[in-house]
Amino acid sequence: MERKTSFTTGAIALVFLLIGYQSAVFIHKAAATRIASLRDRPDTVYVVDSSLAASLLQEEGFPPAASSFSGAASSSGGAAFSSGGAASVITIRRNADHSAVASILPKDKRRIESFRFDPNTVSVSDLQRLGFSEKQAASIDNYRNKGGRFRRPSDFAKSYVVADSVFERLEPYISIPKVDINLSDSAAFDALPGIGPYFASKMVSYRTSLRGYSYPEQLMDIYHFDRERFDGLSDLITLSPPEPYPLWALPEEELRTHPYIGRHAARSIVLFRENTPSSEWSVEALFKAGILDSLSASRLSRCRLAAP
């Protein structure tokens, strides 16, 4: 009986020992992962002038905005800065390699860096520099090779190999170029959400007829290009200013191709120019003369026009 009791007691103790060990391993792993993601190695402090502070912060991978030194403490990737008592003195707390915290970091000896990158084009080797393992970097590259695209930083966060803590560290450095609707080709338009080959082609042809988009909302002039479609990509596009449209110099044959003018108004504009002093030329004058309707005048007035 005593032997049976001792066996039962030993078995229970072993179970608790295993549970305790597994809990300790889990907590250790979670803590190490968190520390590794932040690279928290404190204790070294430098007090320097502002120009040297800017240089050190760039070495630590801070975005350029950090060099403004607003006075509020900030930190990233295990470094921090704050204003000192004098306007020209900045205190920088920098990660120290000799900290005892390093003893629980992963054995990977690679230096983890933070720098600006486009997740759609960054190389596999640079992904590893950013802290991803070889397999994780290969997984991201495989997704891209299969046609996958990260349109927004939030898309990168959704990748199963990007841990929340890693994305939190890298988010300020993600730089995905916007699509310039005055410079991009139909392939770039096709890659935008909700576009496809049909609208990509229409975006190019409409740009040609306008001689360049003057404002992004002109995309909604395209047939069936509604507000919902525009809102789905408005944060992904930009536009370089087009060449000013020479409304007051073009001949009738070229004016009539503009979508806000047309054949009848083009002839009337030419007659208006011939019979009105140039000091009175304006889109508003064309509207008051009945040459343009209110919608066409409103749209044309928002275009970048050459001076009379």
C-alpha atoms as a PDB file:
ATOM      1  CA  MET A   1       0.000   0.000   0.000  1.00  0.00           C
ATOM      2  CA  GLU A   2       2.821   2.364   0.927  1.00  0.00           C
ATOM      3  CA  ARG A   3       4.605   1.470  -2.313  1.00  0.00           C
ATOM      4  CA  LYS A   4       1.473   2.305  -4.336  1.00  0.00           C
ATOM      5  CA  THR A   5       1.046   5.617  -2.510  1.00  0.00           C
ATOM      6  CA  SER A   6       4.681   6.531  -3.109  1.00  0.00           C
ATOM      7  CA  PHE A   7       4.342   5.726  -6.803  1.00  0.00           C
ATOM      8  CA  THR A   8       1.214   7.876  -7.102  1.00  0.00           C
ATOM      9  CA  THR A   9       2.899  10.763  -5.275  1.00  0.00           C
ATOM     10  CA  GLY A  10       5.969  10.484  -7.505  1.00  0.00           C
ATOM     11  CA  ALA A  11       3.840  10.430 -10.652  1.00  0.00           C
ATOM     12  CA  ILE A  12       1.962  13.562  -9.583  1.00  0.00           C
ATOM     13  CA  ALA A  13       5.211  15.317  -8.745  1.00  0.00           C
ATOM     14  CA  LEU A  14       6.610  14.383 -12.158  1.00  0.00           C
ATOM     15  CA  VAL A  15       3.526  15.764 -13.893  1.00  0.00           C
ATOM     16  CA  PHE A  16       3.837  19.066 -12.025  1.00  0.00           C
ATOM     17  CA  LEU A  17       7.554  19.140 -12.790  1.00  0.00           C
ATOM     18  CA  LEU A  18       6.873  18.697 -16.530  1.00  0.00           C
ATOM     19  CA  ILE A  19       4.176  21.364 -16.497  1.00  0.00           C
ATOM     20  CA  GLY A  20       6.473  23.748 -14.666  1.00  0.00           C
ATOM     21  CA  TYR A  21       9.317  23.060 -17.085  1.00  0.00           C
ATOM     22  CA  GLN A  22       7.112  23.587 -20.130  1.00  0.00           C
ATOM     23  CA  SER A  23       5.731  26.819 -18.655  1.00  0.00           C
ATOM     24  CA  ALA A  24       9.234  28.077 -17.967  1.00  0.00           C
ATOM     25  CA  VAL A  25      10.339  27.243 -21.515  1.00  0.00           C
ATOM     26  CA  PHE A  26       7.305  29.011 -22.952  1.00  0.00           C
ATOM     27  CA  ILE A  27       7.821  32.138 -20.832  1.00  0.00           C
ATOM     28  CA  HIS A  28      11.541  32.168 -21.630  1.00  0.00           C
ATOM     29  CA  LYS A  29      10.870  31.821 -25.351  1.00  0.00           C
ATOM     30  CA  ALA A  30       8.200  34.560 -25.323  1.00  0.00           C
ATOM     31  CA  ALA A  31      10.469  36.934 -23.415  1.00  0.00           C
ATOM     32  CA  ALA A  32      13.436  36.193 -25.652  1.00  0.00           C
ATOM     33  CA  THR A  33      11.330  36.716 -28.783  1.00  0.00           C
ATOM     34  CA  ARG A  34      10.081  40.063 -27.496  1.00  0.00           C
ATOM     35  CA  ILE A  35      13.551  41.230 -26.514  1.00  0.00           C
ATOM     36  CA  ALA A  36      15.029  40.039 -29.782  1.00  0.00           C
ATOM     37  CA  SER A  37      12.377  41.901 -31.770  1.00  0.00           C
ATOM     38  CA  LEU A  38      13.137  45.143 -29.948  1.00  0.00           C
ATOM     39  CA  ARG A  39      16.853  44.434 -29.513  1.00  0.00           C
ATOM     40  CA  ASP A  40      16.620  45.805 -25.975  1.00  0.00           C
ATOM     41  CA  ARG A  41      20.228  46.142 -24.794  1.00  0.00           C
ATOM     42  CA  PRO A  42      20.331  49.243 -22.559  1.00  0.00           C
ATOM     43  CA  ASP A  43      22.907  51.050 -20.443  1.00  0.00           C
ATOM     44  CA  THR A  44      25.195  53.059 -22.728  1.00  0.00           C
ATOM     45  CA  VAL A  45      24.467  56.801 -22.772  1.00  0.00           C
ATOM     46  CA  TYR A  46      26.068  59.456 -24.999  1.00  0.00           C
ATOM     47  CA  VAL A  47      25.612  63.211 -24.593  1.00  0.00           C
ATOM     48  CA  VAL A  48      26.485  64.961 -27.847  1.00  0.00           C
ATOM     49  CA  ASP A  49      25.734  68.082 -29.847  1.00  0.00           C
ATOM     50  CA  SER A  50      22.761  68.031 -32.216  1.00  0.00           C
ATOM     51  CA  SER A  51      24.724  67.480 -35.447  1.00  0.00           C
ATOM     52  CA  LEU A  52      26.558  64.451 -34.039  1.00  0.00           C
ATOM     53  CA  ALA A  53      23.276  63.194 -32.561  1.00  0.00           C
ATOM     54  CA  ALA A  54      21.702  63.257 -36.025  1.00  0.00           C
ATOM     55  CA  SER A  55      24.604  61.223 -37.390  1.00  0.00           C
ATOM     56  CA  LEU A  56      24.377  58.608 -34.603  1.00  0.00           C
ATOM     57  CA  LEU A  57      20.621  58.293 -34.987  1.00  0.00           C
ATOM     58  CA  GLN A  58      21.034  57.656 -38.718  1.00  0.00           C
ATOM     59  CA  GLU A  59      23.506  54.889 -37.885  1.00  0.00           C
ATOM     60  CA  GLU A  60      20.872  53.361 -35.592  1.00  0.00           C
ATOM     61  CA  GLY A  61      18.387  53.376 -38.494  1.00  0.00           C
ATOM     62  CA  PHE A  62      16.089  56.169 -37.304  1.00  0.00           C
ATOM     63  CA  PRO A  63      13.910  57.806 -39.955  1.00  0.00           C
ATOM     64  CA  PRO A  64      15.150  61.268 -41.024  1.00  0.00           C
ATOM     65  CA  ALA A  65      12.372  62.913 -38.975  1.00  0.00           C
ATOM     66  CA  ALA A  66      14.207  61.893 -35.789  1.00  0.00           C
ATOM     67  CA  SER A  67      16.836  64.536 -36.475  1.00  0.00           C
ATOM     68  CA  SER A  68      14.300  67.280 -35.714  1.00  0.00           C
ATOM     69  CA  PHE A  69      14.702  66.660 -31.939  1.00  0.00           C
ATOM     70  CA  SER A  70      11.332  67.944 -30.839  1.00  0.00           C
ATOM     71  CA  GLY A  71      12.277  67.369 -27.212  1.00  0.00           C
ATOM     72  CA  ALA A  72      10.017  64.398 -26.573  1.00  0.00           C
ATOM     73  CA  ALA A  73      11.723  61.111 -25.920  1.00  0.00           C
ATOM     74  CA  SER A  74      11.525  58.604 -28.717  1.00  0.00           C
ATOM     75  CA  SER A  75      12.843  55.114 -29.299  1.00  0.00           C
ATOM     76  CA  SER A  76      13.188  52.485 -31.983  1.00  0.00           C
ATOM     77  CA  GLY A  77      15.132  49.275 -32.368  1.00  0.00           C
ATOM     78  CA  GLY A  78      16.665  49.585 -28.895  1.00  0.00           C
ATOM     79  CA  ALA A  79      17.902  53.181 -29.161  1.00  0.00           C
ATOM     80  CA  ALA A  80      16.366  56.365 -27.784  1.00  0.00           C
ATOM     81  CA  PHE A  81      16.968  60.092 -27.794  1.00  0.00           C
ATOM     82  CA  SER A  82      15.746  63.106 -25.828  1.00  0.00           C
ATOM     83  CA  SER A  83      16.542  66.781 -25.510  1.00  0.00           C
ATOM     84  CA  GLY A  84      18.968  67.885 -22.834  1.00  0.00           C
ATOM     85  CA  GLY A  85      18.835  71.052 -20.791  1.00  0.00           C
ATOM     86  CA  ALA A  86      20.364  73.183 -23.547  1.00  0.00           C
ATOM     87  CA  ALA A  87      18.960  73.449 -27.028  1.00  0.00           C
ATOM     88  CA  SER A  88      22.221  72.222 -28.535  1.00  0.00           C
ATOM     89  CA  VAL A  89      22.600  69.148 -26.319  1.00  0.00           C
ATOM     90  CA  ILE A  90      20.938  65.816 -27.078  1.00  0.00           C
ATOM     91  CA  THR A  91      21.070  62.713 -24.906  1.00  0.00           C
ATOM     92  CA  ILE A  92      21.135  59.408 -26.769  1.00  0.00           C
ATOM     93  CA  ARG A  93      20.584  56.085 -25.035  1.00  0.00           C
ATOM     94  CA  ARG A  94      22.101  53.428 -27.231  1.00  0.00           C
ATOM     95  CA  ASN A  95      21.959  49.648 -27.029  1.00  0.00           C
ATOM     96  CA  ALA A  96      25.000  48.099 -25.401  1.00  0.00           C
ATOM     97  CA  ASP A  97      26.357  44.797 -26.685  1.00  0.00           C
ATOM     98  CA  HIS A  98      27.652  43.788 -23.246  1.00  0.00           C
ATOM     99  CA  SER A  99      24.265  43.845 -21.483  1.00  0.00           C
ATOM    100  CA  ALA A 100      23.296  40.755 -19.502  1.00  0.00           C
ATOM    101  CA  VAL A 101      20.079  40.687 -21.511  1.00  0.00           C
ATOM    102  CA  ALA A 102      22.101  39.427 -24.471  1.00  0.00           C
ATOM    103  CA  SER A 103      22.513  36.093 -22.713  1.00  0.00           C
ATOM    104  CA  ILE A 104      18.914  35.100 -23.499  1.00  0.00           C
ATOM    105  CA  LEU A 105      18.863  36.345 -27.079  1.00  0.00           C
ATOM    106  CA  PRO A 106      18.864  33.785 -29.902  1.00  0.00           C
ATOM    107  CA  LYS A 107      22.256  32.378 -30.818  1.00  0.00           C
ATOM    108  CA  ASP A 108      21.957  33.853 -34.302  1.00  0.00           C
ATOM    109  CA  LYS A 109      24.969  36.155 -34.570  1.00  0.00           C
ATOM    110  CA  ARG A 110      23.530  38.201 -37.430  1.00  0.00           C
ATOM    111  CA  ARG A 111      23.149  41.893 -36.749  1.00  0.00           C
ATOM    112  CA  ILE A 112      19.485  42.824 -37.097  1.00  0.00           C
ATOM    113  CA  GLU A 113      19.046  46.120 -38.906  1.00  0.00           C
ATOM    114  CA  SER A 114      16.192  48.523 -39.567  1.00  0.00           C
ATOM    115  CA  PHE A 115      16.251  50.531 -42.793  1.00  0.00           C
ATOM    116  CA  ARG A 116      13.825  51.810 -45.406  1.00  0.00           C
ATOM    117  CA  PHE A 117      12.656  49.105 -47.808  1.00  0.00           C
ATOM    118  CA  ASP A 118       9.955  48.251 -50.306  1.00  0.00           C
ATOM    119  CA  PRO A 119       8.602  44.770 -49.465  1.00  0.00           C
ATOM    120  CA  ASN A 120       7.811  44.255 -53.162  1.00  0.00           C
ATOM    121  CA  THR A 121      11.419  44.643 -54.310  1.00  0.00           C
ATOM    122  CA  VAL A 122      13.681  44.123 -51.285  1.00  0.00           C
ATOM    123  CA  SER A 123      16.165  41.305 -51.861  1.00  0.00           C
ATOM    124  CA  VAL A 124      16.190  38.048 -49.922  1.00  0.00           C
ATOM    125  CA  SER A 125      19.540  38.951 -48.372  1.00  0.00           C
ATOM    126  CA  ASP A 126      18.189  42.318 -47.213  1.00  0.00           C
ATOM    127  CA  LEU A 127      15.124  40.617 -45.736  1.00  0.00           C
ATOM    128  CA  GLN A 128      17.513  38.582 -43.622  1.00  0.00           C
ATOM    129  CA  ARG A 129      19.317  41.764 -42.605  1.00  0.00           C
ATOM    130  CA  LEU A 130      15.927  43.052 -41.453  1.00  0.00           C
ATOM    131  CA  GLY A 131      15.657  40.077 -39.105  1.00  0.00           C
ATOM    132  CA  PHE A 132      13.872  37.383 -41.107  1.00  0.00           C
ATOM    133  CA  SER A 133      15.252  33.875 -41.186  1.00  0.00           C
ATOM    134  CA  GLU A 134      16.369  32.327 -44.451  1.00  0.00           C
ATOM    135  CA  LYS A 135      13.123  30.344 -44.693  1.00  0.00           C
ATOM    136  CA  GLN A 136      10.969  33.384 -43.871  1.00  0.00           C
ATOM    137  CA  ALA A 137      12.754  35.510 -46.478  1.00  0.00           C
ATOM    138  CA  ALA A 138      12.334  32.732 -49.054  1.00  0.00           C
ATOM    139  CA  SER A 139       8.621  32.514 -48.231  1.00  0.00           C
ATOM    140  CA  ILE A 140       8.139  36.249 -48.842  1.00  0.00           C
ATOM    141  CA  ASP A 141      10.087  36.004 -52.094  1.00  0.00           C
ATOM    142  CA  ASN A 142       8.041  32.988 -53.212  1.00  0.00           C
ATOM    143  CA  TYR A 143       4.818  34.943 -52.589  1.00  0.00           C
ATOM    144  CA  ARG A 144       6.103  37.769 -54.806  1.00  0.00           C
ATOM    145  CA  ASN A 145       7.269  35.388 -57.537  1.00  0.00           C
ATOM    146  CA  LYS A 146       3.755  33.950 -57.716  1.00  0.00           C
ATOM    147  CA  GLY A 147       2.323  37.396 -58.436  1.00  0.00           C
ATOM    148  CA  GLY A 148       1.655  38.493 -54.872  1.00  0.00           C
ATOM    149  CA  ARG A 149       1.991  42.199 -54.129  1.00  0.00           C
ATOM    150  CA  PHE A 150       2.056  44.299 -50.987  1.00  0.00           C
ATOM    151  CA  ARG A 151       0.066  47.400 -51.825  1.00  0.00           C
ATOM    152  CA  ARG A 152       0.024  48.808 -48.302  1.00  0.00           C
ATOM    153  CA  PRO A 153       2.139  48.252 -45.158  1.00  0.00           C
ATOM    154  CA  SER A 154      -0.866  46.493 -43.635  1.00  0.00           C
ATOM    155  CA  ASP A 155      -0.642  43.877 -46.418  1.00  0.00           C
ATOM    156  CA  PHE A 156       2.894  43.061 -45.303  1.00  0.00           C
ATOM    157  CA  ALA A 157       1.663  42.673 -41.721  1.00  0.00           C
ATOM    158  CA  LYS A 158      -0.819  40.016 -42.881  1.00  0.00           C
ATOM    159  CA  SER A 159       1.965  37.720 -44.110  1.00  0.00           C
ATOM    160  CA  TYR A 160       2.105  34.704 -41.810  1.00  0.00           C
ATOM    161  CA  VAL A 161       5.903  34.947 -41.503  1.00  0.00           C
ATOM    162  CA  VAL A 162       5.763  38.553 -40.213  1.00  0.00           C
ATOM    163  CA  ALA A 163       5.275  38.505 -36.448  1.00  0.00           C
ATOM    164  CA  ASP A 164       3.388  41.405 -34.856  1.00  0.00           C
ATOM    165  CA  SER A 165       6.465  42.488 -32.913  1.00  0.00           C
ATOM    166  CA  VAL A 166       8.604  42.448 -36.066  1.00  0.00           C
ATOM    167  CA  PHE A 167       6.032  44.492 -38.012  1.00  0.00           C
ATOM    168  CA  GLU A 168       5.840  46.982 -35.138  1.00  0.00           C
ATOM    169  CA  ARG A 169       9.596  47.522 -35.450  1.00  0.00           C
ATOM    170  CA  LEU A 170       9.654  47.686 -39.257  1.00  0.00           C
ATOM    171  CA  GLU A 171       6.466  49.632 -40.012  1.00  0.00           C
ATOM    172  CA  PRO A 172       8.134  53.096 -39.905  1.00  0.00           C
ATOM    173  CA  TYR A 173      10.657  51.893 -42.509  1.00  0.00           C
ATOM    174  CA  ILE A 174       8.240  50.372 -45.042  1.00  0.00           C
ATOM    175  CA  SER A 175       8.247  52.490 -48.202  1.00  0.00           C
ATOM    176  CA  ILE A 176       5.916  51.377 -51.002  1.00  0.00           C
ATOM    177  CA  PRO A 177       6.026  53.809 -53.958  1.00  0.00           C
ATOM    178  CA  LYS A 178       2.665  55.159 -55.045  1.00  0.00           C
ATOM    179  CA  VAL A 179       1.509  54.813 -58.641  1.00  0.00           C
ATOM    180  CA  ASP A 180       1.932  58.092 -60.512  1.00  0.00           C
ATOM    181  CA  ILE A 181      -1.122  58.312 -62.740  1.00  0.00           C
ATOM    182  CA  ASN A 182       0.653  60.735 -65.081  1.00  0.00           C
ATOM    183  CA  LEU A 183       3.770  58.618 -65.526  1.00  0.00           C
ATOM    184  CA  SER A 184       2.788  54.973 -65.046  1.00  0.00           C
ATOM    185  CA  ASP A 185       1.884  52.525 -67.787  1.00  0.00           C
ATOM    186  CA  SER A 186      -1.133  50.253 -68.033  1.00  0.00           C
ATOM    187  CA  ALA A 187       0.704  47.410 -66.253  1.00  0.00           C
ATOM    188  CA  ALA A 188       1.113  49.562 -63.135  1.00  0.00           C
ATOM    189  CA  PHE A 189      -2.570  50.553 -63.306  1.00  0.00           C
ATOM    190  CA  ASP A 190      -3.576  46.907 -63.731  1.00  0.00           C
ATOM    191  CA  ALA A 191      -1.862  46.086 -60.420  1.00  0.00           C
ATOM    192  CA  LEU A 192      -4.090  48.523 -58.516  1.00  0.00           C
ATOM    193  CA  PRO A 193      -7.071  47.029 -56.651  1.00  0.00           C
ATOM    194  CA  GLY A 194     -10.308  46.949 -58.618  1.00  0.00           C
ATOM    195  CA  ILE A 195      -8.750  47.955 -61.948  1.00  0.00           C
ATOM    196  CA  GLY A 196      -7.772  45.121 -64.285  1.00  0.00           C
ATOM    197  CA  PRO A 197      -6.849  45.344 -67.985  1.00  0.00           C
ATOM    198  CA  TYR A 198     -10.001  47.174 -69.123  1.00  0.00           C
ATOM    199  CA  PHE A 199      -9.782  50.119 -66.734  1.00  0.00           C
ATOM    200  CA  ALA A 200      -5.980  50.178 -66.998  1.00  0.00           C
ATOM    201  CA  SER A 201      -6.344  50.785 -70.746  1.00  0.00           C
ATOM    202  CA  LYS A 202      -9.030  53.427 -70.193  1.00  0.00           C
ATOM    203  CA  MET A 203      -6.864  55.244 -67.637  1.00  0.00           C
ATOM    204  CA  VAL A 204      -4.070  55.556 -70.189  1.00  0.00           C
ATOM    205  CA  SER A 205      -6.307  56.653 -73.096  1.00  0.00           C
ATOM    206  CA  TYR A 206      -8.193  59.177 -70.953  1.00  0.00           C
ATOM    207  CA  ARG A 207      -4.896  60.626 -69.744  1.00  0.00           C
ATOM    208  CA  THR A 208      -3.867  61.077 -73.378  1.00  0.00           C
ATOM    209  CA  SER A 209      -7.066  62.942 -74.253  1.00  0.00           C
ATOM    210  CA  LEU A 210      -6.647  65.217 -71.217  1.00  0.00           C
ATOM    211  CA  ARG A 211      -2.939  65.702 -71.926  1.00  0.00           C
ATOM    212  CA  GLY A 212      -2.332  64.619 -68.360  1.00  0.00           C
ATOM    213  CA  TYR A 213      -4.428  64.342 -65.214  1.00  0.00           C
ATOM    214  CA  SER A 214      -4.653  67.585 -63.236  1.00  0.00           C
ATOM    215  CA  TYR A 215      -6.265  66.018 -60.157  1.00  0.00           C
ATOM    216  CA  PRO A 216      -6.862  62.384 -59.117  1.00  0.00           C
ATOM    217  CA  GLU A 217     -10.652  62.636 -59.138  1.00  0.00           C
ATOM    218  CA  GLN A 218     -10.569  62.943 -62.928  1.00  0.00           C
ATOM    219  CA  LEU A 219     -10.368  59.156 -62.951  1.00  0.00           C
ATOM    220  CA  MET A 220     -14.061  59.150 -62.033  1.00  0.00           C
ATOM    221  CA  ASP A 221     -14.838  60.793 -65.388  1.00  0.00           C
ATOM    222  CA  ILE A 222     -14.076  57.418 -66.969  1.00  0.00           C
ATOM    223  CA  TYR A 223     -17.236  55.460 -67.735  1.00  0.00           C
ATOM    224  CA  HIS A 224     -18.172  53.144 -64.826  1.00  0.00           C
ATOM    225  CA  PHE A 225     -15.208  54.335 -62.746  1.00  0.00           C
ATOM    226  CA  ASP A 226     -17.312  55.128 -59.676  1.00  0.00           C
ATOM    227  CA  ARG A 227     -16.552  56.560 -56.232  1.00  0.00           C
ATOM    228  CA  GLU A 228     -16.226  53.115 -54.656  1.00  0.00           C
ATOM    229  CA  ARG A 229     -13.560  52.102 -57.155  1.00  0.00           C
ATOM    230  CA  PHE A 230     -11.725  55.406 -56.666  1.00  0.00           C
ATOM    231  CA  ASP A 231     -11.802  55.191 -52.858  1.00  0.00           C
ATOM    232  CA  GLY A 232     -10.314  51.698 -53.068  1.00  0.00           C
ATOM    233  CA  LEU A 233      -7.096  53.050 -54.595  1.00  0.00           C
ATOM    234  CA  SER A 234      -6.960  56.755 -53.744  1.00  0.00           C
ATOM    235  CA  ASP A 235      -4.294  56.223 -51.060  1.00  0.00           C
ATOM    236  CA  LEU A 236      -2.129  54.257 -53.508  1.00  0.00           C
ATOM    237  CA  ILE A 237      -1.826  56.873 -56.252  1.00  0.00           C
ATOM    238  CA  THR A 238      -0.168  60.224 -56.790  1.00  0.00           C
ATOM    239  CA  LEU A 239       0.373  62.440 -59.809  1.00  0.00           C
ATOM    240  CA  SER A 240       3.129  64.572 -61.201  1.00  0.00           C
ATOM    241  CA  PRO A 241       1.853  67.949 -62.417  1.00  0.00           C
ATOM    242  CA  PRO A 242       1.050  67.749 -66.147  1.00  0.00           C
ATOM    243  CA  GLU A 243       2.152  70.271 -68.734  1.00  0.00           C
ATOM    244  CA  PRO A 244      -0.302  73.206 -68.695  1.00  0.00           C
ATOM    245  CA  TYR A 245      -3.038  72.676 -71.262  1.00  0.00           C
ATOM    246  CA  PRO A 246      -2.721  75.384 -73.985  1.00  0.00           C
ATOM    247  CA  LEU A 247      -6.444  76.152 -74.132  1.00  0.00           C
ATOM    248  CA  TRP A 248      -5.897  79.619 -75.623  1.00  0.00           C
ATOM    249  CA  ALA A 249      -3.425  78.553 -78.304  1.00  0.00           C
ATOM    250  CA  LEU A 250      -4.555  75.222 -79.736  1.00  0.00           C
ATOM    251  CA  PRO A 251      -6.342  75.056 -83.090  1.00  0.00           C
ATOM    252  CA  GLU A 252      -9.903  73.805 -83.333  1.00  0.00           C
ATOM    253  CA  GLU A 253      -8.861  70.301 -84.470  1.00  0.00           C
ATOM    254  CA  GLU A 254      -6.926  69.705 -81.252  1.00  0.00           C
ATOM    255  CA  LEU A 255      -9.340  71.454 -78.892  1.00  0.00           C
ATOM    256  CA  ARG A 256     -12.178  69.179 -79.977  1.00  0.00           C
ATOM    257  CA  THR A 257     -10.341  66.076 -78.693  1.00  0.00           C
ATOM    258  CA  HIS A 258     -10.409  67.334 -75.104  1.00  0.00           C
ATOM    259  CA  PRO A 259     -13.175  65.486 -73.184  1.00  0.00           C
ATOM    260  CA  TYR A 260     -14.457  68.712 -71.555  1.00  0.00           C
ATOM    261  CA  ILE A 261     -14.654  70.650 -74.830  1.00  0.00           C
ATOM    262  CA  GLY A 262     -15.801  68.598 -77.820  1.00  0.00           C
ATOM    263  CA  ARG A 263     -16.497  69.545 -81.425  1.00  0.00           C
ATOM    264  CA  HIS A 264     -19.090  72.318 -80.992  1.00  0.00           C
ATOM    265  CA  ALA A 265     -17.377  74.102 -78.110  1.00  0.00           C
ATOM    266  CA  ALA A 266     -13.994  73.899 -79.856  1.00  0.00           C
ATOM    267  CA  ARG A 267     -15.271  75.974 -82.789  1.00  0.00           C
ATOM    268  CA  SER A 268     -16.907  78.476 -80.435  1.00  0.00           C
ATOM    269  CA  ILE A 269     -13.710  78.866 -78.400  1.00  0.00           C
ATOM    270  CA  VAL A 270     -11.766  79.745 -81.539  1.00  0.00           C
ATOM    271  CA  LEU A 271     -14.402  82.376 -82.474  1.00  0.00           C
ATOM    272  CA  PHE A 272     -14.345  83.697 -78.901  1.00  0.00           C
ATOM    273  CA  ARG A 273     -10.569  84.135 -79.066  1.00  0.00           C
ATOM    274  CA  GLU A 274     -10.782  85.905 -82.392  1.00  0.00           C
ATOM    275  CA  ASN A 275     -13.401  88.398 -81.184  1.00  0.00           C
ATOM    276  CA  THR A 276     -12.459  88.949 -77.532  1.00  0.00           C
ATOM    277  CA  PRO A 277      -9.428  90.754 -76.059  1.00  0.00           C
ATOM    278  CA  SER A 278      -6.989  88.282 -74.493  1.00  0.00           C
ATOM    279  CA  SER A 279      -7.284  90.104 -71.171  1.00  0.00           C
ATOM    280  CA  GLU A 280     -10.863  88.773 -70.954  1.00  0.00           C
ATOM    281  CA  TRP A 281     -10.078  85.137 -71.741  1.00  0.00           C
ATOM    282  CA  SER A 282     -11.083  82.776 -68.933  1.00  0.00           C
ATOM    283  CA  VAL A 283     -13.056  79.583 -68.392  1.00  0.00           C
ATOM    284  CA  GLU A 284     -15.664  81.615 -66.548  1.00  0.00           C
ATOM    285  CA  ALA A 285     -16.028  83.883 -69.588  1.00  0.00           C
ATOM    286  CA  LEU A 286     -16.580  80.808 -71.783  1.00  0.00           C
ATOM    287  CA  PHE A 287     -19.342  79.693 -69.413  1.00  0.00           C
ATOM    288  CA  LYS A 288     -20.993  83.104 -69.356  1.00  0.00           C
ATOM    289  CA  ALA A 289     -20.879  83.200 -73.158  1.00  0.00           C
ATOM    290  CA  GLY A 290     -22.742  79.882 -73.271  1.00  0.00           C
ATOM    291  CA  ILE A 291     -19.834  78.070 -74.895  1.00  0.00           C
ATOM    292  CA  LEU A 292     -19.381  75.620 -71.997  1.00  0.00           C
ATOM    293  CA  ASP A 293     -22.091  74.168 -69.771  1.00  0.00           C
ATOM    294  CA  SER A 294     -21.698  74.382 -66.010  1.00  0.00           C
ATOM    295  CA  LEU A 295     -20.307  70.843 -65.580  1.00  0.00           C
ATOM    296  CA  SER A 296     -17.722  71.203 -68.360  1.00  0.00           C
ATOM    297  CA  ALA A 297     -16.702  74.636 -67.111  1.00  0.00           C
ATOM    298  CA  SER A 298     -16.341  73.361 -63.557  1.00  0.00           C
ATOM    299  CA  ARG A 299     -14.177  70.452 -64.674  1.00  0.00           C
ATOM    300  CA  LEU A 300     -12.054  72.536 -67.035  1.00  0.00           C
ATOM    301  CA  SER A 301     -11.459  75.224 -64.409  1.00  0.00           C
ATOM    302  CA  ARG A 302      -9.790  72.612 -62.191  1.00  0.00           C
ATOM    303  CA  CYS A 303      -7.360  71.638 -64.942  1.00  0.00           C
ATOM    304  CA  ARG A 304      -3.858  73.038 -65.124  1.00  0.00           C
ATOM    305  CA  LEU A 305      -4.159  75.567 -67.933  1.00  0.00           C
ATOM    306  CA  ALA A 306      -1.530  77.647 -69.662  1.00  0.00           C
ATOM    307  CA  ALA A 307      -1.881  81.383 -69.192  1.00  0.00           C
ATOM    308  CA  PRO A 308      -3.569  83.289 -72.031  1.00  0.00           C
END
